């Protein structure tokens, strides 16, 4: 049994917003070609409302209302109007929707916002193909065909832990700087292609990486593609986290979420692991209504999976507990749940415990 927050973002439909009559006609022509898209037009265009478009009185009021609902916007209007109206709504490249702007004759399709992570570049290319228009893509990495790390991370199923480093790594690739890469599983190897300035580090090599000799003020940037925390000093890494850790948890009834989370964070710090690499939590189904566990999963934005005692009873663990066996009929909760959920026979972190919480971590080879 899984408990998981509903997904948002890429599964939301696209909003097509048009102003003038010609723009509205183009929107109605485009709308059937974009699955689940919705047209928004001024209420004066009654012909469009009769065809299923939704009317609005003021553009600013409309966008304030619908901005959180959509993962993509197609504006058919002057780019300046779109920029002024969306400016107060923009928050972060990690969460902003894709924004594409078309002129009302459908000649040019401009990727305006969230080109990579939001998918505006791909949307602009798609709309341009549908209309026979010219796509306009201005992101430098696309122009020069260099790796764009936000897109590389998304395509490889990696989570960016420190997005403030994205711009630094993008600049490094654009300006042909040396880049250190620690990627022992080769998760982004294909994306880096034949970029000539990458130094690939072997598993034992990161400890030797330091500032560039003779230039202590400007160490080369790096990419760290792993669940562990890098230890080298004098080098800054963009941290790309695979979601490959399963956390098995057991707890006494009524243990608060804060206590479980504090212990989880402590264990991860001690073993130099990133919480961003947690794939899911796991426990016995007797704990499926344990509020502390449910809230922890919600806080981490990760699913929690529960297994029956019959399933856990058949899992071999390194630290069985007679007390647990006498209490609920299985020799292990946290270790057995972690191993079973990860489908891995070994534990990265064996059972750790406090008076109220037990915890173990397994490393899964598969992402889900």
Protein backbone atom coordinates (compact mmCIF):
# COMPACT_ATOMS: atom_id res chain seq x y z
CA UNK A 1 0.00 0.00 0.00
CA UNK A 2 1.29 3.43 -0.98
CA UNK A 3 0.42 6.83 0.42
CA UNK A 4 1.60 9.59 -1.89
CA UNK A 5 0.70 13.19 -2.63
CA UNK A 6 -1.01 13.69 -5.99
CA UNK A 7 1.27 14.84 -8.76
CA UNK A 8 1.04 18.29 -10.22
CA UNK A 9 2.82 20.30 -12.92
CA UNK A 10 3.40 18.35 -16.09
CA UNK A 11 -0.03 16.65 -15.80
CA UNK A 12 -1.85 20.01 -15.72
CA UNK A 13 -3.33 21.34 -18.97
CA UNK A 14 -2.13 24.29 -21.04
CA UNK A 15 -3.80 27.70 -20.98
CA UNK A 16 -4.02 29.55 -24.30
CA UNK A 17 -4.68 33.25 -23.73
CA UNK A 18 -5.60 35.59 -26.59
CA UNK A 19 -6.75 39.23 -26.78
CA UNK A 20 -7.68 40.48 -30.27
CA UNK A 21 -10.11 38.86 -32.69
CA UNK A 22 -7.31 37.59 -34.96
CA UNK A 23 -5.46 36.20 -31.94
CA UNK A 24 -8.62 34.48 -30.71
CA UNK A 25 -9.16 32.87 -34.11
CA UNK A 26 -5.59 31.54 -33.98
CA UNK A 27 -6.14 30.27 -30.42
CA UNK A 28 -9.25 28.35 -31.47
CA UNK A 29 -7.30 26.85 -34.36
CA UNK A 30 -4.44 25.80 -32.08
CA UNK A 31 -6.49 24.54 -29.14
CA UNK A 32 -7.55 21.16 -30.63
CA UNK A 33 -3.90 20.37 -31.37
CA UNK A 34 -2.80 20.76 -27.73
CA UNK A 35 -4.40 18.02 -25.60
CA UNK A 36 -6.29 19.26 -22.53
CA UNK A 37 -5.66 22.89 -23.42
CA UNK A 38 -8.14 25.62 -22.49
CA UNK A 39 -8.71 28.91 -24.35
CA UNK A 40 -9.21 32.16 -22.43
CA UNK A 41 -10.53 35.16 -24.34
CA UNK A 42 -12.07 38.55 -23.51
CA UNK A 43 -15.84 38.25 -22.95
CA UNK A 44 -16.53 40.51 -25.94
CA UNK A 45 -15.60 37.65 -28.30
CA UNK A 46 -18.96 35.91 -28.04
CA UNK A 47 -18.30 33.67 -31.05
CA UNK A 48 -15.35 32.11 -29.17
CA UNK A 49 -17.38 31.66 -25.99
CA UNK A 50 -19.98 29.80 -28.05
CA UNK A 51 -17.19 27.49 -29.22
CA UNK A 52 -16.16 26.61 -25.65
CA UNK A 53 -13.61 29.30 -24.81
CA UNK A 54 -13.71 30.81 -21.32
CA UNK A 55 -14.24 34.51 -20.97
CA UNK A 56 -12.46 37.06 -18.80
CA UNK A 57 -12.84 40.77 -18.07
CA UNK A 58 -9.26 41.78 -17.18
CA UNK A 59 -6.06 39.98 -18.17
CA UNK A 60 -4.28 40.78 -14.90
CA UNK A 61 -7.13 39.42 -12.81
CA UNK A 62 -7.36 36.29 -14.94
CA UNK A 63 -3.65 35.44 -14.64
CA UNK A 64 -3.63 35.99 -10.88
CA UNK A 65 -6.39 33.39 -10.64
CA UNK A 66 -5.24 30.71 -13.09
CA UNK A 67 -1.41 30.95 -12.86
CA UNK A 68 -1.09 28.15 -10.25
CA UNK A 69 -3.40 25.80 -12.19
CA UNK A 70 -1.39 25.32 -15.36
CA UNK A 71 2.03 23.95 -16.22
CA UNK A 72 2.15 25.88 -19.51
CA UNK A 73 0.82 29.11 -21.00
CA UNK A 74 0.58 30.10 -24.64
CA UNK A 75 0.04 33.86 -24.99
CA UNK A 76 -1.07 35.17 -28.38
CA UNK A 77 -0.23 38.85 -27.97
CA UNK A 78 2.72 41.23 -27.90
CA UNK A 79 5.60 39.86 -25.83
CA UNK A 80 5.74 43.08 -23.83
CA UNK A 81 2.15 42.66 -22.64
CA UNK A 82 2.87 39.09 -21.53
CA UNK A 83 6.06 40.11 -19.72
CA UNK A 84 4.37 42.90 -17.77
CA UNK A 85 1.44 40.73 -16.76
CA UNK A 86 3.41 37.67 -15.62
CA UNK A 87 6.27 39.56 -13.92
CA UNK A 88 4.57 39.71 -10.46
CA UNK A 89 3.77 35.98 -10.66
CA UNK A 90 7.26 34.66 -11.43
CA UNK A 91 8.95 32.88 -8.50
CA UNK A 92 11.60 30.34 -9.51
CA UNK A 93 12.87 28.46 -12.54
CA UNK A 94 12.24 25.30 -10.51
CA UNK A 95 8.51 25.95 -10.24
CA UNK A 96 7.41 28.52 -12.82
CA UNK A 97 5.26 27.22 -15.69
CA UNK A 98 6.38 27.21 -19.30
CA UNK A 99 5.48 30.44 -21.09
CA UNK A 100 5.37 30.74 -24.89
CA UNK A 101 4.38 33.89 -26.81
CA UNK A 102 3.04 34.05 -30.38
CA UNK A 103 2.30 37.00 -32.60
CA UNK A 104 -1.34 37.00 -33.75
CA UNK A 105 -0.42 36.05 -37.33
CA UNK A 106 1.35 32.94 -36.05
CA UNK A 107 4.68 33.78 -37.65
CA UNK A 108 6.96 33.50 -34.60
CA UNK A 109 6.77 31.32 -31.48
CA UNK A 110 8.96 32.61 -28.66
CA UNK A 111 10.02 30.51 -25.67
CA UNK A 112 9.80 33.17 -22.96
CA UNK A 113 10.01 31.50 -19.54
CA UNK A 114 11.10 28.12 -18.10
CA UNK A 115 12.66 26.95 -21.34
CA UNK A 116 14.29 23.86 -19.87
CA UNK A 117 12.70 22.69 -16.62
CA UNK A 118 9.28 24.03 -17.51
CA UNK A 119 9.46 22.71 -21.06
CA UNK A 120 8.84 26.02 -22.87
CA UNK A 121 11.50 25.28 -25.49
CA UNK A 122 9.86 21.99 -26.42
CA UNK A 123 6.42 23.60 -26.39
CA UNK A 124 7.62 26.41 -28.67
CA UNK A 125 9.00 23.86 -31.12
CA UNK A 126 5.74 21.90 -31.05
CA UNK A 127 3.53 24.97 -31.59
CA UNK A 128 5.82 26.17 -34.39
CA UNK A 129 5.51 22.80 -36.16
CA UNK A 130 1.71 22.90 -35.83
CA UNK A 131 1.48 26.41 -37.31
CA UNK A 132 4.37 26.29 -39.76
CA UNK A 133 5.94 29.14 -37.76
CA UNK A 134 9.50 30.07 -36.81
CA UNK A 135 10.46 28.96 -33.27
CA UNK A 136 12.56 31.43 -31.32
CA UNK A 137 14.80 29.78 -28.69
CA UNK A 138 17.25 32.07 -26.92
CA UNK A 139 18.76 29.89 -24.18
CA UNK A 140 22.52 29.89 -24.78
CA UNK A 141 23.03 26.18 -24.19
CA UNK A 142 20.53 25.40 -26.96
CA UNK A 143 22.05 27.96 -29.31
CA UNK A 144 25.55 26.51 -28.87
CA UNK A 145 24.40 22.91 -28.35
CA UNK A 146 26.09 22.64 -24.96
CA UNK A 147 24.82 20.64 -21.95
CA UNK A 148 22.08 22.43 -20.00
CA UNK A 149 22.34 21.00 -16.51
CA UNK A 150 18.74 21.64 -15.44
CA UNK A 151 17.56 19.71 -18.50
CA UNK A 152 20.22 17.02 -18.05
CA UNK A 153 19.05 16.50 -14.46
CA UNK A 154 15.41 16.24 -15.44
CA UNK A 155 16.06 13.77 -18.25
CA UNK A 156 18.20 11.59 -15.98
CA UNK A 157 15.60 11.63 -13.19
CA UNK A 158 17.94 13.53 -10.85
CA UNK A 159 16.93 16.13 -8.28
CA UNK A 160 18.94 19.36 -8.08
CA UNK A 161 19.89 19.96 -4.45
CA UNK A 162 21.57 23.37 -4.86
CA UNK A 163 19.94 25.17 -7.82
CA UNK A 164 22.03 28.28 -7.15
CA UNK A 165 24.91 26.39 -8.84
CA UNK A 166 23.02 25.77 -12.09
CA UNK A 167 24.03 29.10 -13.62
CA UNK A 168 27.69 28.54 -12.66
CA UNK A 169 27.83 25.14 -14.36
CA UNK A 170 25.96 26.40 -17.41
CA UNK A 171 28.55 29.17 -17.75
CA UNK A 172 31.38 26.66 -17.37
CA UNK A 173 30.12 24.58 -20.28
CA UNK A 174 29.41 27.64 -22.44
CA UNK A 175 32.87 29.10 -21.85
CA UNK A 176 34.75 25.79 -22.22
CA UNK A 177 36.00 25.70 -18.64
CA UNK A 178 37.32 22.59 -16.97
CA UNK A 179 34.58 20.73 -15.07
CA UNK A 180 35.04 17.97 -12.49
CA UNK A 181 32.45 15.18 -12.66
CA UNK A 182 31.84 12.50 -10.05
CA UNK A 183 29.26 10.17 -11.59
CA UNK A 184 30.25 6.60 -10.68
CA UNK A 185 27.09 5.06 -12.21
CA UNK A 186 27.38 7.08 -15.42
CA UNK A 187 23.91 8.60 -15.01
CA UNK A 188 24.70 11.68 -17.12
CA UNK A 189 27.46 10.23 -19.30
CA UNK A 190 25.40 10.30 -22.48
CA UNK A 191 24.28 13.88 -21.83
CA UNK A 192 27.85 15.14 -21.52
CA UNK A 193 28.71 13.56 -24.84
CA UNK A 194 32.17 14.42 -26.09
CA UNK A 195 32.53 17.70 -24.18
CA UNK A 196 36.34 17.97 -24.11
CA UNK A 197 36.88 19.74 -20.78
CA UNK A 198 35.38 17.19 -18.39
CA UNK A 199 37.59 15.47 -15.87
CA UNK A 200 35.83 12.34 -14.69
CA UNK A 201 36.65 11.30 -11.15
CA UNK A 202 36.92 7.69 -10.05
CA UNK A 203 35.26 6.69 -6.73
CA UNK A 204 38.45 7.20 -4.72
CA UNK A 205 39.53 10.36 -6.50
CA UNK A 206 37.24 13.12 -5.10
CA UNK A 207 39.34 13.33 -1.96
CA UNK A 208 42.27 14.51 -4.08
CA UNK A 209 40.40 17.34 -5.80
CA UNK A 210 41.47 20.78 -4.65
CA UNK A 211 41.79 24.26 -6.05
CA UNK A 212 43.52 24.72 -9.38
CA UNK A 213 47.28 25.19 -8.77
CA UNK A 214 48.35 28.82 -9.03
CA UNK A 215 44.75 30.09 -9.04
CA UNK A 216 43.37 29.54 -5.52
CA UNK A 217 40.65 32.13 -5.95
CA UNK A 218 38.92 30.38 -8.84
CA UNK A 219 38.58 26.61 -8.32
CA UNK A 220 36.94 24.77 -11.21
CA UNK A 221 33.29 23.87 -10.69
CA UNK A 222 32.10 20.30 -10.52
CA UNK A 223 29.15 17.94 -10.91
CA UNK A 224 28.40 15.48 -8.12
CA UNK A 225 25.94 12.80 -9.22
CA UNK A 226 25.52 10.59 -6.19
CA UNK A 227 23.54 10.18 -2.98
CA UNK A 228 26.52 10.92 -0.75
CA UNK A 229 27.71 14.32 0.47
CA UNK A 230 30.99 15.41 -1.19
CA UNK A 231 33.91 15.91 1.15
CA UNK A 232 36.53 17.72 -0.98
CA UNK A 233 37.22 21.30 0.02
CA UNK A 234 38.16 24.07 -2.39
CA UNK A 235 35.71 22.98 -5.09
CA UNK A 236 32.03 23.70 -5.51
CA UNK A 237 29.78 21.00 -6.95
CA UNK A 238 26.35 21.11 -8.51
CA UNK A 239 24.69 18.34 -6.53
CA UNK A 240 22.47 16.07 -8.64
CA UNK A 241 20.71 13.47 -6.54
CA UNK A 242 19.39 10.12 -7.75
CA UNK A 243 16.33 8.99 -5.84
CA UNK A 244 17.65 5.59 -4.88
CA UNK A 245 17.50 5.35 -1.08
CA UNK A 246 14.74 3.51 0.76
CA UNK A 247 14.28 4.36 4.44
CA UNK A 248 12.74 1.62 6.55
CA UNK A 249 11.10 2.99 9.70
CA UNK A 250 9.61 1.58 12.85
CA UNK A 251 8.27 3.61 15.75
CA UNK A 252 6.30 3.45 18.94
CA UNK A 253 2.66 4.44 18.73
CA UNK A 254 2.12 8.20 18.75
CA UNK A 255 5.73 9.17 18.05
CA UNK A 256 5.56 12.72 16.64
CA UNK A 257 6.78 13.50 13.14
CA UNK A 258 9.38 15.95 14.45
CA UNK A 259 11.06 13.25 16.53
CA UNK A 260 11.19 10.82 13.60
CA UNK A 261 12.50 13.50 11.24
CA UNK A 262 15.18 14.71 13.70
CA UNK A 263 16.50 11.15 13.99
CA UNK A 264 16.36 10.63 10.21
CA UNK A 265 18.35 13.83 9.61
CA UNK A 266 20.87 12.82 12.27
CA UNK A 267 21.44 9.40 10.68
CA UNK A 268 21.82 10.90 7.22
CA UNK A 269 24.33 13.48 8.48
CA UNK A 270 26.37 10.79 10.21
CA UNK A 271 26.51 8.64 7.07
CA UNK A 272 26.95 11.63 4.72
CA UNK A 273 23.77 10.94 2.77
CA UNK A 274 21.37 13.40 1.17
CA UNK A 275 17.68 13.44 2.04
CA UNK A 276 17.05 14.47 -1.57
CA UNK A 277 18.06 10.94 -2.56
CA UNK A 278 15.26 9.32 -0.58
CA UNK A 279 13.04 7.41 -3.00
CA UNK A 280 10.44 6.30 -0.48
CA UNK A 281 9.80 5.35 3.13
CA UNK A 282 8.74 1.83 4.12
CA UNK A 283 7.22 0.16 7.17
CA UNK A 284 4.83 -2.54 8.35
CA UNK A 285 1.13 -2.15 7.56
CA UNK A 286 0.33 -1.99 11.28
CA UNK A 287 1.76 1.54 11.09
CA UNK A 288 -0.32 2.64 8.09
CA UNK A 289 -2.31 5.04 10.29
CA UNK A 290 0.67 6.29 12.28
CA UNK A 291 0.32 10.07 11.99
CA UNK A 292 4.01 10.81 12.55
CA UNK A 293 5.04 8.61 9.62
CA UNK A 294 2.34 9.94 7.31
CA UNK A 295 3.30 13.54 8.05
CA UNK A 296 6.98 12.76 7.53
CA UNK A 297 6.25 11.35 4.06
CA UNK A 298 4.23 14.47 3.24
CA UNK A 299 7.00 16.75 4.50
CA UNK A 300 9.64 14.92 2.44
CA UNK A 301 7.26 14.78 -0.56
CA UNK A 302 7.96 11.09 -0.92
CA UNK A 303 5.65 8.06 -0.91
CA UNK A 304 5.48 5.67 2.03
CA UNK A 305 4.92 1.99 1.35
CA UNK A 306 3.54 -0.48 3.86
CA UNK A 307 4.09 -4.24 3.86
CA UNK A 308 2.24 -7.02 5.60
CA UNK A 309 3.81 -9.01 8.40
CA UNK A 310 3.71 -12.06 6.14
CA UNK A 311 5.85 -10.23 3.57
CA UNK A 312 8.34 -8.93 6.14
CA UNK A 313 8.61 -12.27 7.93
CA UNK A 314 10.34 -13.82 4.91
CA UNK A 315 13.07 -11.15 4.67
CA UNK A 316 16.51 -12.04 6.05
CA UNK A 317 17.97 -9.17 8.11
CA UNK A 318 21.32 -8.64 9.87
CA UNK A 319 19.81 -7.42 13.17
CA UNK A 320 16.65 -9.38 14.05
CA UNK A 321 14.82 -8.41 17.25
CA UNK A 322 13.22 -10.95 19.57
CA UNK A 323 11.30 -8.14 21.26
CA UNK A 324 9.73 -7.07 17.97
CA UNK A 325 8.99 -10.69 17.09
CA UNK A 326 7.16 -11.19 20.39
CA UNK A 327 5.27 -7.93 19.97
CA UNK A 328 4.05 -8.05 16.35
CA UNK A 329 5.19 -11.41 15.00
CA UNK A 330 8.12 -10.37 12.78
CA UNK A 331 11.83 -10.21 13.62
CA UNK A 332 12.34 -6.85 11.95
CA UNK A 333 10.42 -3.81 10.74
CA UNK A 334 12.86 -1.13 9.59
CA UNK A 335 15.55 -3.41 8.09
CA UNK A 336 13.07 -5.82 6.51
CA UNK A 337 10.93 -3.03 5.06
CA UNK A 338 13.96 -1.24 3.61
CA UNK A 339 15.36 -4.41 2.02
CA UNK A 340 11.98 -5.51 0.66
CA UNK A 341 11.06 -2.12 -0.78
CA UNK A 342 14.49 -1.54 -2.33
CA UNK A 343 14.66 -5.10 -3.67
CA UNK A 344 18.24 -5.15 -2.45
CA UNK A 345 19.73 -7.80 -0.14
CA UNK A 346 22.13 -5.41 1.57
CA UNK A 347 21.72 -2.35 3.76
CA UNK A 348 23.61 0.89 3.29
CA UNK A 349 22.78 1.80 6.90
CA UNK A 350 21.85 -1.06 9.25
CA UNK A 351 19.33 -0.57 12.03
CA UNK A 352 19.77 2.61 14.06
CA UNK A 353 17.54 3.27 17.03
CA UNK A 354 16.35 5.67 19.71
CA UNK A 355 13.88 4.84 22.48
CA UNK A 356 10.98 5.50 20.06
CA UNK A 357 12.31 5.07 16.53
CA UNK A 358 14.19 2.48 14.49
CA UNK A 359 15.59 3.27 11.07
CA UNK A 360 17.54 1.53 8.30
CA UNK A 361 18.53 2.55 4.77
CA UNK A 362 18.81 0.37 1.66
CA UNK A 363 20.13 1.45 -1.73
CA UNK A 364 17.91 0.58 -4.66
CA UNK A 365 19.27 0.13 -8.17
CA UNK A 366 15.97 1.05 -9.83
CA UNK A 367 14.32 4.49 -9.60
CA UNK A 368 10.86 3.34 -8.57
